[in-house]
Amino acid sequence: MRYIKADKKLTEQVLEYGKDILRSSNMQSERNFMQHGNTDCFTHSICVAYMALRIAEVLHIKKIDKKSLVRGCLLHDFFLYDWHEKETACKFHTFMHPIVALKNAEKEFVLNKVERDIIRKHMFPLCFPLPKYRESYIITIADKCCAASEIWHLYSLEKVIHMLEGRIQTEIPELVFNAEPVYC
């Protein structure tokens, strides 16, 4: 198993920019909904936010709005149901969940145009229209990397989650993470 290095600066950015979202009871409820493999939606969203920042760093993409990137990543799958259960899931989940996630996020948070674009277009190229901002393209890559790893256990961001856990326990004590390995 290959573990992705936990970068303190990036984990702190996820926490700093996403603290209000992470505190949200609806966001916390995402821990009850499985996303891919054994990873819940809450953990998946945090991993995608971290991975998006890491991708921007590795590719030396300087002109991005990191706050909007993190917030959009945390809310990209804010559909608030278990898509594995046919009774509660949206029909054609793969294609419709970005629209549902955006509607849910707009009800609970004030979003800017970049955050809305990230949430609505994160499934490109499976869903259209085309992303408009660099941040939206970055999440399309980060989300697919995390989803593939959650399904096939390619690498783990468990160390990242543990680093965030330590910071979150002091700043947002009501959050509790799953102790299972995180493959994303």
Protein backbone atom coordinates (compact mmCIF):
# COMPACT_ATOMS: atom_id res chain seq x y z
CA MET A 1 0.00 0.00 0.00
CA ARG A 2 1.35 3.40 -0.95
CA TYR A 3 0.53 6.21 1.44
CA ILE A 4 0.28 9.79 0.21
CA LYS A 5 2.38 12.10 2.36
CA ALA A 6 0.41 14.32 4.70
CA ASP A 7 1.40 17.92 4.03
CA LYS A 8 0.67 20.06 7.09
CA LYS A 9 0.18 23.25 5.06
CA LEU A 10 -2.41 21.63 2.78
CA THR A 11 -4.30 19.97 5.63
CA GLU A 12 -4.43 23.30 7.44
CA GLN A 13 -5.84 24.96 4.30
CA VAL A 14 -8.61 22.34 4.10
CA LEU A 15 -9.51 23.04 7.72
CA GLU A 16 -9.15 26.82 7.51
CA TYR A 17 -11.21 27.29 4.35
CA GLY A 18 -13.76 24.59 5.07
CA LYS A 19 -14.39 24.89 8.80
CA ASP A 20 -17.96 26.18 8.46
CA ILE A 21 -18.81 23.40 6.01
CA LEU A 22 -17.21 20.71 8.17
CA ARG A 23 -19.26 21.93 11.15
CA SER A 24 -22.53 21.68 9.22
CA SER A 25 -24.84 18.95 10.50
CA ASN A 26 -25.73 18.03 6.92
CA MET A 27 -22.06 17.69 6.04
CA GLN A 28 -21.51 15.55 9.11
CA SER A 29 -24.48 13.39 8.08
CA GLU A 30 -22.49 12.44 4.99
CA ARG A 31 -20.48 10.13 7.25
CA ASN A 32 -23.56 7.86 7.11
CA PHE A 33 -23.53 7.60 3.30
CA MET A 34 -21.04 5.37 1.54
CA GLN A 35 -19.40 6.84 -1.52
CA HIS A 36 -16.97 4.37 -3.12
CA GLY A 37 -15.72 1.15 -1.58
CA ASN A 38 -15.53 1.62 2.20
CA THR A 39 -15.16 5.39 2.07
CA ASP A 40 -18.04 7.58 3.21
CA CYS A 41 -19.05 10.81 1.43
CA PHE A 42 -17.68 13.00 4.22
CA THR A 43 -14.20 11.47 4.09
CA HIS A 44 -14.27 11.35 0.28
CA SER A 45 -14.99 15.08 0.13
CA ILE A 46 -12.13 15.89 2.49
CA CYS A 47 -9.77 13.70 0.46
CA VAL A 48 -10.85 15.40 -2.77
CA ALA A 49 -10.21 18.83 -1.23
CA TYR A 50 -6.74 17.78 -0.10
CA MET A 51 -5.97 16.10 -3.43
CA ALA A 52 -7.11 19.17 -5.38
CA LEU A 53 -4.73 21.39 -3.41
CA ARG A 54 -1.96 18.83 -3.92
CA ILE A 55 -2.58 18.69 -7.68
CA ALA A 56 -2.48 22.48 -7.93
CA GLU A 57 0.80 22.47 -6.01
CA VAL A 58 2.43 19.68 -8.01
CA LEU A 59 1.38 21.24 -11.34
CA HIS A 60 2.52 24.68 -10.13
CA ILE A 61 -0.89 26.22 -10.79
CA LYS A 62 -0.50 29.57 -9.08
CA LYS A 63 -3.54 31.59 -10.08
CA ILE A 64 -6.29 29.77 -8.25
CA ASP A 65 -8.73 30.67 -5.54
CA LYS A 66 -7.75 28.08 -2.93
CA LYS A 67 -10.62 28.95 -0.62
CA SER A 68 -13.20 28.42 -3.38
CA LEU A 69 -11.39 25.26 -4.46
CA VAL A 70 -11.58 23.74 -0.97
CA ARG A 71 -15.18 24.80 -0.36
CA GLY A 72 -16.32 23.54 -3.76
CA CYS A 73 -14.53 20.23 -3.21
CA LEU A 74 -16.09 19.75 0.21
CA LEU A 75 -19.55 20.37 -1.26
CA HIS A 76 -19.18 18.62 -4.62
CA ASP A 77 -21.07 15.51 -3.41
CA PHE A 78 -23.46 17.27 -1.02
CA PHE A 79 -26.42 15.27 -2.33
CA LEU A 80 -27.35 13.97 1.17
CA TYR A 81 -28.57 10.47 0.37
CA ASP A 82 -27.09 7.00 -0.03
CA TRP A 83 -26.85 6.54 -3.77
CA HIS A 84 -26.54 2.77 -3.30
CA GLU A 85 -30.12 2.55 -2.02
CA LYS A 86 -32.57 2.70 -4.91
CA GLU A 87 -35.49 3.84 -2.72
CA THR A 88 -33.74 7.05 -1.60
CA ALA A 89 -31.30 7.69 -4.45
CA CYS A 90 -31.81 10.15 -7.24
CA LYS A 91 -32.60 8.46 -10.55
CA PHE A 92 -29.54 8.58 -12.84
CA HIS A 93 -27.39 9.50 -9.85
CA THR A 94 -24.12 9.80 -11.77
CA PHE A 95 -25.53 12.45 -14.06
CA MET A 96 -27.92 14.21 -11.67
CA HIS A 97 -26.06 14.39 -8.37
CA PRO A 98 -24.07 17.54 -9.24
CA ILE A 99 -27.36 19.41 -9.69
CA VAL A 100 -28.78 18.01 -6.43
CA ALA A 101 -25.53 18.79 -4.57
CA LEU A 102 -25.54 22.38 -5.85
CA LYS A 103 -29.18 22.92 -4.81
CA ASN A 104 -28.47 21.53 -1.33
CA ALA A 105 -25.30 23.59 -0.95
CA GLU A 106 -27.06 26.80 -2.03
CA LYS A 107 -29.75 26.23 0.63
CA GLU A 108 -27.16 26.06 3.39
CA PHE A 109 -24.18 28.16 2.30
CA VAL A 110 -23.45 31.38 0.44
CA LEU A 111 -21.53 30.28 -2.65
CA ASN A 112 -19.54 32.30 -5.13
CA LYS A 113 -19.48 31.63 -8.89
CA VAL A 114 -16.34 29.48 -8.72
CA GLU A 115 -17.77 27.27 -5.95
CA ARG A 116 -21.04 26.84 -7.89
CA ASP A 117 -19.11 25.92 -11.03
CA ILE A 118 -16.99 23.38 -9.15
CA ILE A 119 -20.02 21.64 -7.65
CA ARG A 120 -22.10 21.69 -10.83
CA LYS A 121 -19.35 20.60 -13.23
CA HIS A 122 -17.15 18.23 -11.20
CA MET A 123 -18.36 15.20 -13.20
CA PHE A 124 -16.98 16.48 -16.52
CA PRO A 125 -16.55 14.80 -19.02
CA LEU A 126 -19.41 12.47 -17.97
CA CYS A 127 -21.66 15.50 -17.52
CA PHE A 128 -21.81 18.78 -19.37
CA PRO A 129 -21.45 21.78 -19.58
CA LEU A 130 -17.71 22.38 -19.62
CA PRO A 131 -16.07 23.72 -16.46
CA LYS A 132 -15.41 27.44 -16.63
CA TYR A 133 -12.62 27.89 -14.07
CA ARG A 134 -9.21 26.31 -13.38
CA GLU A 135 -10.51 25.22 -9.98
CA SER A 136 -13.32 23.28 -11.67
CA TYR A 137 -10.88 21.38 -13.88
CA ILE A 138 -8.67 20.61 -10.90
CA ILE A 139 -11.53 18.98 -8.99
CA THR A 140 -12.49 16.84 -11.99
CA ILE A 141 -9.01 15.33 -11.79
CA ALA A 142 -8.90 15.11 -7.97
CA ASP A 143 -12.36 13.52 -7.74
CA LYS A 144 -11.55 10.85 -10.31
CA CYS A 145 -8.19 10.08 -8.66
CA CYS A 146 -9.85 9.68 -5.27
CA ALA A 147 -12.78 7.64 -6.63
CA ALA A 148 -10.45 5.26 -8.50
CA SER A 149 -8.33 4.73 -5.43
CA GLU A 150 -11.35 4.20 -3.18
CA ILE A 151 -12.57 1.48 -5.53
CA TRP A 152 -9.23 -0.19 -6.36
CA HIS A 153 -7.17 0.74 -3.24
CA LEU A 154 -4.39 2.31 -5.31
CA TYR A 155 -3.07 4.52 -2.54
CA SER A 156 -4.20 5.82 0.83
CA LEU A 157 -4.73 9.28 2.26
CA GLU A 158 -5.07 7.77 5.73
CA LYS A 159 -2.11 9.82 7.00
CA VAL A 160 -3.76 13.01 5.74
CA ILE A 161 -7.00 12.15 7.54
CA HIS A 162 -5.09 11.40 10.75
CA MET A 163 -3.27 14.74 10.53
CA LEU A 164 -6.58 16.51 10.02
CA GLU A 165 -8.11 14.55 12.89
CA GLY A 166 -5.57 15.91 15.31
CA ARG A 167 -6.23 19.50 14.24
CA ILE A 168 -9.99 19.06 14.07
CA GLN A 169 -10.26 17.49 17.53
CA THR A 170 -9.09 20.75 19.07
CA GLU A 171 -10.93 23.11 16.71
CA ILE A 172 -14.09 21.15 15.86
CA PRO A 173 -14.41 18.55 18.63
CA GLU A 174 -17.85 17.37 17.51
CA LEU A 175 -16.34 15.75 14.40
CA VAL A 176 -15.36 12.10 14.66
CA PHE A 177 -13.63 10.22 11.86
CA ASN A 178 -13.95 6.60 10.87
CA ALA A 179 -10.96 4.57 12.11
CA GLU A 180 -10.91 2.44 8.96
CA PRO A 181 -8.14 2.92 6.38
CA VAL A 182 -8.96 5.63 3.85
CA TYR A 183 -8.30 4.69 0.24
CA CYS A 184 -8.52 7.72 -1.90
